[in-house]
Structures are given as structure tokens and as C-alpha cells.
PDB file of N, CA and C in Angstrom:
ATOM      1  N   MET A   1     281.388 115.034 171.945  1.00  0.00           N
ATOM      2  CA  MET A   1     280.929 116.367 172.278  1.00  0.00           C
ATOM      3  C   MET A   1     281.535 117.426 171.357  1.00  0.00           C
ATOM      4  N   ALA A   2     280.633 118.340 170.946  1.00  0.00           N
ATOM      5  CA  ALA A   2     281.011 119.294 169.948  1.00  0.00           C
ATOM      6  C   ALA A   2     281.674 120.431 170.332  1.00  0.00           C
ATOM      7  N   GLU A   3     282.696 120.822 169.696  1.00  0.00           N
ATOM      8  CA  GLU A   3     283.450 122.056 170.321  1.00  0.00           C
ATOM      9  C   GLU A   3     282.843 123.477 170.014  1.00  0.00           C
ATOM     10  N   ASP A   4     282.814 124.441 170.790  1.00  0.00           N
ATOM     11  CA  ASP A   4     282.089 125.536 170.543  1.00  0.00           C
ATOM     12  C   ASP A   4     283.215 126.470 169.604  1.00  0.00           C
ATOM     13  N   PRO A   5     282.718 127.051 168.595  1.00  0.00           N
ATOM     14  CA  PRO A   5     283.664 127.707 167.424  1.00  0.00           C
ATOM     15  C   PRO A   5     284.132 128.981 168.079  1.00  0.00           C
ATOM     16  N   SER A   6     283.322 129.488 169.127  1.00  0.00           N
ATOM     17  CA  SER A   6     283.889 130.768 169.777  1.00  0.00           C
ATOM     18  C   SER A   6     284.785 130.741 170.910  1.00  0.00           C
ATOM     19  N   ASP A   7     284.979 129.388 171.106  1.00  0.00           N
ATOM     20  CA  ASP A   7     286.028 128.997 172.274  1.00  0.00           C
ATOM     21  C   ASP A   7     287.497 129.157 171.506  1.00  0.00           C
ATOM     22  N   ILE A   8     288.187 130.238 171.898  1.00  0.00           N
ATOM     23  CA  ILE A   8     289.592 130.360 171.320  1.00  0.00           C
ATOM     24  C   ILE A   8     290.730 129.414 171.927  1.00  0.00           C
ATOM     25  N   ALA A   9     290.645 129.113 173.245  1.00  0.00           N
ATOM     26  CA  ALA A   9     291.597 128.358 173.912  1.00  0.00           C
ATOM     27  C   ALA A   9     291.320 127.035 173.954  1.00  0.00           C
ATOM     28  N   GLY A  10     290.097 126.529 173.721  1.00  0.00           N
ATOM     29  CA  GLY A  10     289.928 125.133 173.812  1.00  0.00           C
ATOM     30  C   GLY A  10     289.709 124.762 175.355  1.00  0.00           C
ATOM     31  N   LEU A  11     289.702 125.737 176.134  1.00  0.00           N
ATOM     32  CA  LEU A  11     289.425 125.518 177.475  1.00  0.00           C
ATOM     33  C   LEU A  11     287.886 125.864 178.074  1.00  0.00           C
ATOM     34  N   PRO A  12     287.384 125.267 179.112  1.00  0.00           N
ATOM     35  CA  PRO A  12     286.050 125.652 179.741  1.00  0.00           C
ATOM     36  C   PRO A  12     285.910 127.237 179.629  1.00  0.00           C
ATOM     37  N   ALA A  13     284.768 127.640 179.239  1.00  0.00           N
ATOM     38  CA  ALA A  13     284.583 129.119 179.069  1.00  0.00           C
ATOM     39  C   ALA A  13     284.529 129.614 180.600  1.00  0.00           C
ATOM     40  N   GLU A  14     284.220 128.659 181.712  1.00  0.00           N
ATOM     41  CA  GLU A  14     284.203 129.462 183.148  1.00  0.00           C
ATOM     42  C   GLU A  14     285.537 130.042 183.429  1.00  0.00           C
ATOM     43  N   LEU A  15     286.614 129.643 182.796  1.00  0.00           N
ATOM     44  CA  LEU A  15     287.911 130.034 183.231  1.00  0.00           C
ATOM     45  C   LEU A  15     288.013 131.501 182.858  1.00  0.00           C
ATOM     46  N   GLY A  16     287.542 132.011 181.662  1.00  0.00           N
ATOM     47  CA  GLY A  16     287.544 133.322 181.330  1.00  0.00           C
ATOM     48  C   GLY A  16     288.821 133.560 180.432  1.00  0.00           C
ATOM     49  N   ILE A  17     289.354 132.615 180.009  1.00  0.00           N
ATOM     50  CA  ILE A  17     290.769 132.599 179.292  1.00  0.00           C
ATOM     51  C   ILE A  17     290.438 133.249 177.928  1.00  0.00           C
ATOM     52  N   ASP A  18     289.431 133.042 177.218  1.00  0.00           N
ATOM     53  CA  ASP A  18     289.099 133.568 175.778  1.00  0.00           C
ATOM     54  C   ASP A  18     289.056 135.158 175.990  1.00  0.00           C
ATOM     55  N   ASP A  19     288.490 135.768 177.068  1.00  0.00           N
ATOM     56  CA  ASP A  19     288.563 137.115 177.204  1.00  0.00           C
ATOM     57  C   ASP A  19     290.092 137.731 177.141  1.00  0.00           C
ATOM     58  N   ASP A  20     290.918 137.009 178.148  1.00  0.00           N
ATOM     59  CA  ASP A  20     292.131 137.359 178.190  1.00  0.00           C
ATOM     60  C   ASP A  20     292.884 137.336 176.819  1.00  0.00           C
ATOM     61  N   LEU A  21     292.552 136.522 175.998  1.00  0.00           N
ATOM     62  CA  LEU A  21     293.465 136.156 174.848  1.00  0.00           C
ATOM     63  C   LEU A  21     292.776 137.147 173.784  1.00  0.00           C
ATOM     64  N   ALA A  22     291.540 137.373 173.702  1.00  0.00           N
ATOM     65  CA  ALA A  22     291.008 138.498 172.784  1.00  0.00           C
ATOM     66  C   ALA A  22     291.663 139.703 173.078  1.00  0.00           C
ATOM     67  N   ARG A  23     291.794 140.258 174.385  1.00  0.00           N
ATOM     68  CA  ARG A  23     292.519 141.475 174.684  1.00  0.00           C
ATOM     69  C   ARG A  23     293.926 141.434 174.213  1.00  0.00           C
ATOM     70  N   ALA A  24     294.713 140.290 174.442  1.00  0.00           N
ATOM     71  CA  ALA A  24     295.938 140.260 174.137  1.00  0.00           C
ATOM     72  C   ALA A  24     296.227 140.359 172.431  1.00  0.00           C
ATOM     73  N   ASP A  25     295.122 139.721 171.750  1.00  0.00           N
ATOM     74  CA  ASP A  25     295.248 139.708 170.209  1.00  0.00           C
ATOM     75  C   ASP A  25     295.142 141.147 169.727  1.00  0.00           C
ATOM     76  N   ALA A  26     294.163 141.686 170.249  1.00  0.00           N
ATOM     77  CA  ALA A  26     293.634 143.146 169.891  1.00  0.00           C
ATOM     78  C   ALA A  26     294.920 144.163 169.911  1.00  0.00           C
ATOM     79  N   SER A  27     295.239 144.759 168.876  1.00  0.00           N
ATOM     80  CA  SER A  27     296.116 145.783 168.838  1.00  0.00           C
ATOM     81  C   SER A  27     295.336 147.054 168.662  1.00  0.00           C
ATOM     82  N   LEU A  28     295.473 147.873 169.713  1.00  0.00           N
ATOM     83  CA  LEU A  28     294.553 149.099 169.932  1.00  0.00           C
ATOM     84  C   LEU A  28     295.519 150.229 169.242  1.00  0.00           C
ATOM     85  N   ARG A  29     294.809 151.349 168.621  1.00  0.00           N
ATOM     86  CA  ARG A  29     295.554 152.515 168.369  1.00  0.00           C
ATOM     87  C   ARG A  29     294.932 153.674 169.036  1.00  0.00           C
ATOM     88  N   ILE A  30     295.571 154.481 169.419  1.00  0.00           N
ATOM     89  CA  ILE A  30     295.180 155.783 170.184  1.00  0.00           C
ATOM     90  C   ILE A  30     295.698 157.085 169.172  1.00  0.00           C
ATOM     91  N   ARG A  31     294.515 157.892 169.020  1.00  0.00           N
ATOM     92  CA  ARG A  31     294.695 159.151 168.325  1.00  0.00           C
ATOM     93  C   ARG A  31     293.919 160.304 168.881  1.00  0.00           C
ATOM     94  N   LEU A  32     294.592 161.302 168.642  1.00  0.00           N
ATOM     95  CA  LEU A  32     293.896 162.708 169.069  1.00  0.00           C
ATOM     96  C   LEU A  32     293.077 163.339 167.928  1.00  0.00           C
ATOM     97  N   GLU A  33     292.117 163.930 168.340  1.00  0.00           N
ATOM     98  CA  GLU A  33     291.344 164.667 167.380  1.00  0.00           C
ATOM     99  C   GLU A  33     290.921 166.027 168.078  1.00  0.00           C
ATOM    100  N   LYS A  34     290.909 167.300 167.155  1.00  0.00           N
ATOM    101  CA  LYS A  34     290.333 168.322 167.604  1.00  0.00           C
ATOM    102  C   LYS A  34     288.875 168.521 167.246  1.00  0.00           C
ATOM    103  N   ARG A  35     287.931 168.767 168.251  1.00  0.00           N
ATOM    104  CA  ARG A  35     286.632 168.940 167.956  1.00  0.00           C
ATOM    105  C   ARG A  35     286.141 170.514 167.980  1.00  0.00           C
ATOM    106  N   ARG A  36     284.911 170.559 168.170  1.00  0.00           N
ATOM    107  CA  ARG A  36     284.276 171.948 168.161  1.00  0.00           C
ATOM    108  C   ARG A  36     285.115 172.836 169.158  1.00  0.00           C
ATOM    109  N   TYR A  37     285.451 173.949 168.614  1.00  0.00           N
ATOM    110  CA  TYR A  37     286.167 175.090 169.557  1.00  0.00           C
ATOM    111  C   TYR A  37     287.607 174.575 169.859  1.00  0.00           C
ATOM    112  N   GLY A  38     288.175 173.649 169.090  1.00  0.00           N
ATOM    113  CA  GLY A  38     289.516 173.065 169.315  1.00  0.00           C
ATOM    114  C   GLY A  38     289.796 172.466 170.550  1.00  0.00           C
ATOM    115  N   LYS A  39     288.603 171.771 170.891  1.00  0.00           N
ATOM    116  CA  LYS A  39     288.865 171.055 172.153  1.00  0.00           C
ATOM    117  C   LYS A  39     289.293 169.449 171.748  1.00  0.00           C
ATOM    118  N   PRO A  40     290.326 169.002 172.441  1.00  0.00           N
ATOM    119  CA  PRO A  40     290.819 167.623 172.122  1.00  0.00           C
ATOM    120  C   PRO A  40     290.125 166.584 172.494  1.00  0.00           C
ATOM    121  N   VAL A  41     290.112 165.369 171.830  1.00  0.00           N
ATOM    122  CA  VAL A  41     289.150 164.137 172.140  1.00  0.00           C
ATOM    123  C   VAL A  41     290.283 163.233 171.797  1.00  0.00           C
ATOM    124  N   THR A  42     290.485 162.130 172.851  1.00  0.00           N
ATOM    125  CA  THR A  42     291.274 161.100 172.530  1.00  0.00           C
ATOM    126  C   THR A  42     290.496 159.798 172.137  1.00  0.00           C
ATOM    127  N   ILE A  43     290.693 159.263 171.037  1.00  0.00           N
ATOM    128  CA  ILE A  43     290.148 158.128 170.598  1.00  0.00           C
ATOM    129  C   ILE A  43     290.911 156.905 170.476  1.00  0.00           C
ATOM    130  N   VAL A  44     290.368 155.769 171.050  1.00  0.00           N
ATOM    131  CA  VAL A  44     290.871 154.549 171.164  1.00  0.00           C
ATOM    132  C   VAL A  44     290.054 153.680 170.456  1.00  0.00           C
ATOM    133  N   GLU A  45     290.843 152.938 169.318  1.00  0.00           N
ATOM    134  CA  GLU A  45     290.055 151.939 168.290  1.00  0.00           C
ATOM    135  C   GLU A  45     290.910 150.866 168.187  1.00  0.00           C
ATOM    136  N   GLY A  46     290.223 149.821 167.474  1.00  0.00           N
ATOM    137  CA  GLY A  46     290.876 148.580 167.203  1.00  0.00           C
ATOM    138  C   GLY A  46     290.325 147.370 168.094  1.00  0.00           C
ATOM    139  N   PHE A  47     289.308 147.495 168.819  1.00  0.00           N
ATOM    140  CA  PHE A  47     288.828 146.443 169.650  1.00  0.00           C
ATOM    141  C   PHE A  47     288.156 145.383 168.993  1.00  0.00           C
ATOM    142  N   ASP A  48     288.246 144.152 169.636  1.00  0.00           N
ATOM    143  CA  ASP A  48     287.493 143.102 169.115  1.00  0.00           C
ATOM    144  C   ASP A  48     286.973 142.383 170.208  1.00  0.00           C
ATOM    145  N   ASP A  49     285.646 142.107 170.252  1.00  0.00           N
ATOM    146  CA  ASP A  49     284.903 141.290 171.230  1.00  0.00           C
ATOM    147  C   ASP A  49     285.199 141.763 172.562  1.00  0.00           C
ATOM    148  N   VAL A  50     285.123 143.041 172.996  1.00  0.00           N
ATOM    149  CA  VAL A  50     285.141 143.530 174.302  1.00  0.00           C
ATOM    150  C   VAL A  50     284.052 144.380 174.682  1.00  0.00           C
ATOM    151  N   ASP A  51     283.765 144.360 175.813  1.00  0.00           N
ATOM    152  CA  ASP A  51     282.674 145.134 176.599  1.00  0.00           C
ATOM    153  C   ASP A  51     282.956 146.563 176.435  1.00  0.00           C
ATOM    154  N   LEU A  52     282.793 147.264 175.380  1.00  0.00           N
ATOM    155  CA  LEU A  52     283.346 148.530 175.327  1.00  0.00           C
ATOM    156  C   LEU A  52     282.685 149.572 176.487  1.00  0.00           C
ATOM    157  N   ALA A  53     281.498 149.413 176.754  1.00  0.00           N
ATOM    158  CA  ALA A  53     280.711 150.379 177.751  1.00  0.00           C
ATOM    159  C   ALA A  53     281.524 150.257 179.224  1.00  0.00           C
ATOM    160  N   ALA A  54     281.775 148.983 179.361  1.00  0.00           N
ATOM    161  CA  ALA A  54     282.476 148.691 180.819  1.00  0.00           C
ATOM    162  C   ALA A  54     283.896 149.394 180.757  1.00  0.00           C
ATOM    163  N   LEU A  55     284.521 149.060 179.607  1.00  0.00           N
ATOM    164  CA  LEU A  55     285.943 149.593 179.578  1.00  0.00           C
ATOM    165  C   LEU A  55     285.914 151.065 179.527  1.00  0.00           C
ATOM    166  N   ALA A  56     285.149 151.562 178.748  1.00  0.00           N
ATOM    167  CA  ALA A  56     284.979 153.138 178.770  1.00  0.00           C
ATOM    168  C   ALA A  56     284.840 153.750 180.034  1.00  0.00           C
ATOM    169  N   SER A  57     283.933 153.044 180.874  1.00  0.00           N
ATOM    170  CA  SER A  57     283.667 153.420 182.145  1.00  0.00           C
ATOM    171  C   SER A  57     284.778 153.571 183.054  1.00  0.00           C
ATOM    172  N   GLU A  58     285.528 152.405 182.856  1.00  0.00           N
ATOM    173  CA  GLU A  58     286.672 152.087 183.753  1.00  0.00           C
ATOM    174  C   GLU A  58     287.787 153.359 183.377  1.00  0.00           C
ATOM    175  N   LEU A  59     287.861 153.652 182.157  1.00  0.00           N
ATOM    176  CA  LEU A  59     288.863 154.571 181.628  1.00  0.00           C
ATOM    177  C   LEU A  59     288.429 155.982 182.153  1.00  0.00           C
ATOM    178  N   LYS A  60     287.222 156.182 182.011  1.00  0.00           N
ATOM    179  CA  LYS A  60     286.754 157.649 182.386  1.00  0.00           C
ATOM    180  C   LYS A  60     287.046 157.805 183.812  1.00  0.00           C
ATOM    181  N   ARG A  61     286.555 156.870 184.728  1.00  0.00           N
ATOM    182  CA  ARG A  61     286.755 156.826 186.045  1.00  0.00           C
ATOM    183  C   ARG A  61     288.303 157.122 186.438  1.00  0.00           C
ATOM    184  N   ALA A  62     289.192 156.212 185.638  1.00  0.00           N
ATOM    185  CA  ALA A  62     290.659 156.318 186.018  1.00  0.00           C
ATOM    186  C   ALA A  62     291.322 157.796 185.585  1.00  0.00           C
ATOM    187  N   LEU A  63     290.814 158.385 184.500  1.00  0.00           N
ATOM    188  CA  LEU A  63     291.205 159.631 184.068  1.00  0.00           C
ATOM    189  C   LEU A  63     290.378 160.800 184.623  1.00  0.00           C
ATOM    190  N   GLY A  64     289.265 160.559 185.376  1.00  0.00           N
ATOM    191  CA  GLY A  64     288.407 161.793 185.650  1.00  0.00           C
ATOM    192  C   GLY A  64     287.989 162.601 184.496  1.00  0.00           C
ATOM    193  N   THR A  65     287.457 161.928 183.613  1.00  0.00           N
ATOM    194  CA  THR A  65     286.894 162.733 182.413  1.00  0.00           C
ATOM    195  C   THR A  65     285.710 162.168 181.970  1.00  0.00           C
ATOM    196  N   GLY A  66     284.910 162.809 180.943  1.00  0.00           N
ATOM    197  CA  GLY A  66     283.762 162.256 180.090  1.00  0.00           C
ATOM    198  C   GLY A  66     284.345 161.560 179.132  1.00  0.00           C
ATOM    199  N   GLY A  67     283.284 160.694 178.393  1.00  0.00           N
ATOM    200  CA  GLY A  67     283.548 160.199 177.261  1.00  0.00           C
ATOM    201  C   GLY A  67     282.514 159.357 176.753  1.00  0.00           C
ATOM    202  N   THR A  68     282.529 158.880 175.674  1.00  0.00           N
ATOM    203  CA  THR A  68     281.344 157.983 175.095  1.00  0.00           C
ATOM    204  C   THR A  68     281.998 156.582 174.305  1.00  0.00           C
ATOM    205  N   VAL A  69     280.917 155.720 174.007  1.00  0.00           N
ATOM    206  CA  VAL A  69     281.431 154.686 173.182  1.00  0.00           C
ATOM    207  C   VAL A  69     280.759 155.063 171.705  1.00  0.00           C
ATOM    208  N   ASP A  70     281.608 154.937 170.492  1.00  0.00           N
ATOM    209  CA  ASP A  70     281.055 155.422 169.181  1.00  0.00           C
ATOM    210  C   ASP A  70     281.342 153.900 168.524  1.00  0.00           C
ATOM    211  N   GLU A  71     280.439 153.329 168.075  1.00  0.00           N
ATOM    212  CA  GLU A  71     280.622 152.042 167.130  1.00  0.00           C
ATOM    213  C   GLU A  71     281.696 151.202 167.853  1.00  0.00           C
ATOM    214  N   ASP A  72     282.875 151.057 167.217  1.00  0.00           N
ATOM    215  CA  ASP A  72     283.776 150.342 167.915  1.00  0.00           C
ATOM    216  C   ASP A  72     285.049 150.999 168.356  1.00  0.00           C
ATOM    217  N   SER A  73     284.621 152.249 168.869  1.00  0.00           N
ATOM    218  CA  SER A  73     285.912 153.004 169.522  1.00  0.00           C
ATOM    219  C   SER A  73     285.384 153.732 170.592  1.00  0.00           C
ATOM    220  N   ILE A  74     286.370 153.977 171.529  1.00  0.00           N
ATOM    221  CA  ILE A  74     286.106 154.694 172.712  1.00  0.00           C
ATOM    222  C   ILE A  74     286.570 156.310 172.538  1.00  0.00           C
ATOM    223  N   GLU A  75     285.834 157.057 172.967  1.00  0.00           N
ATOM    224  CA  GLU A  75     286.258 158.590 172.774  1.00  0.00           C
ATOM    225  C   GLU A  75     286.213 159.285 174.322  1.00  0.00           C
ATOM    226  N   LEU A  76     287.234 159.826 174.564  1.00  0.00           N
ATOM    227  CA  LEU A  76     287.495 160.404 176.082  1.00  0.00           C
ATOM    228  C   LEU A  76     287.734 161.869 175.714  1.00  0.00           C
ATOM    229  N   GLN A  77     286.851 162.751 176.325  1.00  0.00           N
ATOM    230  CA  GLN A  77     287.045 164.170 176.461  1.00  0.00           C
ATOM    231  C   GLN A  77     288.418 164.542 176.884  1.00  0.00           C
ATOM    232  N   GLY A  78     289.304 165.280 176.069  1.00  0.00           N
ATOM    233  CA  GLY A  78     290.486 165.890 176.499  1.00  0.00           C
ATOM    234  C   GLY A  78     291.492 164.967 176.030  1.00  0.00           C
ATOM    235  N   ASP A  79     292.980 165.491 176.236  1.00  0.00           N
ATOM    236  CA  ASP A  79     294.025 165.072 175.709  1.00  0.00           C
ATOM    237  C   ASP A  79     294.773 164.052 176.719  1.00  0.00           C
ATOM    238  N   HIS A  80     294.303 162.685 176.392  1.00  0.00           N
ATOM    239  CA  HIS A  80     294.871 161.790 177.474  1.00  0.00           C
ATOM    240  C   HIS A  80     295.809 160.591 176.759  1.00  0.00           C
ATOM    241  N   ALA A  81     296.342 161.002 175.653  1.00  0.00           N
ATOM    242  CA  ALA A  81     297.158 160.110 174.773  1.00  0.00           C
ATOM    243  C   ALA A  81     298.341 159.621 175.567  1.00  0.00           C
ATOM    244  N   ASP A  82     298.829 160.387 176.729  1.00  0.00           N
ATOM    245  CA  ASP A  82     300.137 159.982 177.343  1.00  0.00           C
ATOM    246  C   ASP A  82     299.686 159.028 178.533  1.00  0.00           C
ATOM    247  N   ARG A  83     298.502 159.004 179.107  1.00  0.00           N
ATOM    248  CA  ARG A  83     298.026 158.278 180.026  1.00  0.00           C
ATOM    249  C   ARG A  83     297.283 156.989 179.777  1.00  0.00           C
ATOM    250  N   VAL A  84     296.565 156.889 178.644  1.00  0.00           N
ATOM    251  CA  VAL A  84     295.594 155.860 178.027  1.00  0.00           C
ATOM    252  C   VAL A  84     296.547 154.619 177.774  1.00  0.00           C
ATOM    253  N   PRO A  85     297.723 154.776 177.177  1.00  0.00           N
ATOM    254  CA  PRO A  85     298.368 153.322 176.957  1.00  0.00           C
ATOM    255  C   PRO A  85     298.691 152.645 178.120  1.00  0.00           C
ATOM    256  N   ALA A  86     299.101 153.296 179.151  1.00  0.00           N
ATOM    257  CA  ALA A  86     299.572 152.596 180.265  1.00  0.00           C
ATOM    258  C   ALA A  86     298.193 152.050 181.033  1.00  0.00           C
ATOM    259  N   LEU A  87     297.017 152.621 181.016  1.00  0.00           N
ATOM    260  CA  LEU A  87     295.783 152.143 181.524  1.00  0.00           C
ATOM    261  C   LEU A  87     295.435 150.784 180.753  1.00  0.00           C
ATOM    262  N   LEU A  88     295.502 150.935 179.538  1.00  0.00           N
ATOM    263  CA  LEU A  88     295.081 149.798 178.689  1.00  0.00           C
ATOM    264  C   LEU A  88     295.979 148.512 178.780  1.00  0.00           C
ATOM    265  N   ARG A  89     297.352 148.767 178.838  1.00  0.00           N
ATOM    266  CA  ARG A  89     298.359 147.725 179.174  1.00  0.00           C
ATOM    267  C   ARG A  89     298.016 147.170 180.601  1.00  0.00           C
ATOM    268  N   GLU A  90     297.742 147.866 181.582  1.00  0.00           N
ATOM    269  CA  GLU A  90     297.241 147.131 182.833  1.00  0.00           C
ATOM    270  C   GLU A  90     296.145 146.223 182.751  1.00  0.00           C
ATOM    271  N   ARG A  91     295.237 146.449 181.676  1.00  0.00           N
ATOM    272  CA  ARG A  91     294.156 145.674 181.619  1.00  0.00           C
ATOM    273  C   ARG A  91     294.319 144.618 180.616  1.00  0.00           C
ATOM    274  N   GLY A  92     295.681 144.390 180.121  1.00  0.00           N
ATOM    275  CA  GLY A  92     296.054 143.273 179.307  1.00  0.00           C
ATOM    276  C   GLY A  92     295.961 143.380 177.804  1.00  0.00           C
ATOM    277  N   PHE A  93     295.709 144.896 177.464  1.00  0.00           N
ATOM    278  CA  PHE A  93     295.588 145.133 176.031  1.00  0.00           C
ATOM    279  C   PHE A  93     297.117 145.309 175.391  1.00  0.00           C
ATOM    280  N   THR A  94     297.167 145.229 174.110  1.00  0.00           N
ATOM    281  CA  THR A  94     298.361 145.523 173.432  1.00  0.00           C
ATOM    282  C   THR A  94     298.078 146.919 172.787  1.00  0.00           C
ATOM    283  N   VAL A  95     299.000 147.683 172.820  1.00  0.00           N
ATOM    284  CA  VAL A  95     298.735 149.269 172.351  1.00  0.00           C
ATOM    285  C   VAL A  95     299.883 149.285 171.419  1.00  0.00           C
ATOM    286  N   ASP A  96     299.624 149.853 170.211  1.00  0.00           N
ATOM    287  CA  ASP A  96     300.567 150.244 169.118  1.00  0.00           C
ATOM    288  C   ASP A  96     301.262 151.543 169.324  1.00  0.00           C
ATOM    289  N   GLY A  97     302.440 151.728 169.208  1.00  0.00           N
ATOM    290  CA  GLY A  97     302.912 153.043 169.516  1.00  0.00           C
ATOM    291  C   GLY A  97     303.536 153.290 170.713  1.00  0.00           C
TER     292      GLY A  97
END
């Protein structure tokens, strides 16, 4: 039986362990940018193999804000740098700083 090279843990894919391991291995960075008219935008980057659209939706709902997915990062409207790390850690991610 050939092993699937995308299988990180070596366990059956049905267990979903690979998703958890990918989240734990990714070290995310959170930064703040000023955009048009001085409005702040919180940017979360450093994702590997994560459904960014679904995660962005969860974060936007939890924070009560708008946002978007831009290539390999999530942009949230407003300054949420104090709340986002805790929300990401609750979902199994490692956050720098």
C-alpha cells in the first residue's frame, strides 16, 4: 500500500489530524496597517494549507467586522490586534508575539 505524501501524521485522513498539525505548525504574524483616510486594518499572515475563506468568516463573525482574504493573508477592518491572537489560539494556531 502506497502512502499519501500529503498525509503528515501517517494516520487515516478521516481523523482530520493533518489539519490540526498544519495549524499547530503554522506560526502566524499579526500586524496593523493604516489605509485610506488613516483607517486601521489588521492583517494576519503566515498560513499554510488552511481554508482562509472559512477562517476569515469565523474571525469576522467573532469580531463583528468586515474583512477579506488577500492571497495568503486575512485582512480585517479595524484595529483588532489585541483580540485576534486569542481567537486564533482557540482554533489551534500558534501566534508570534
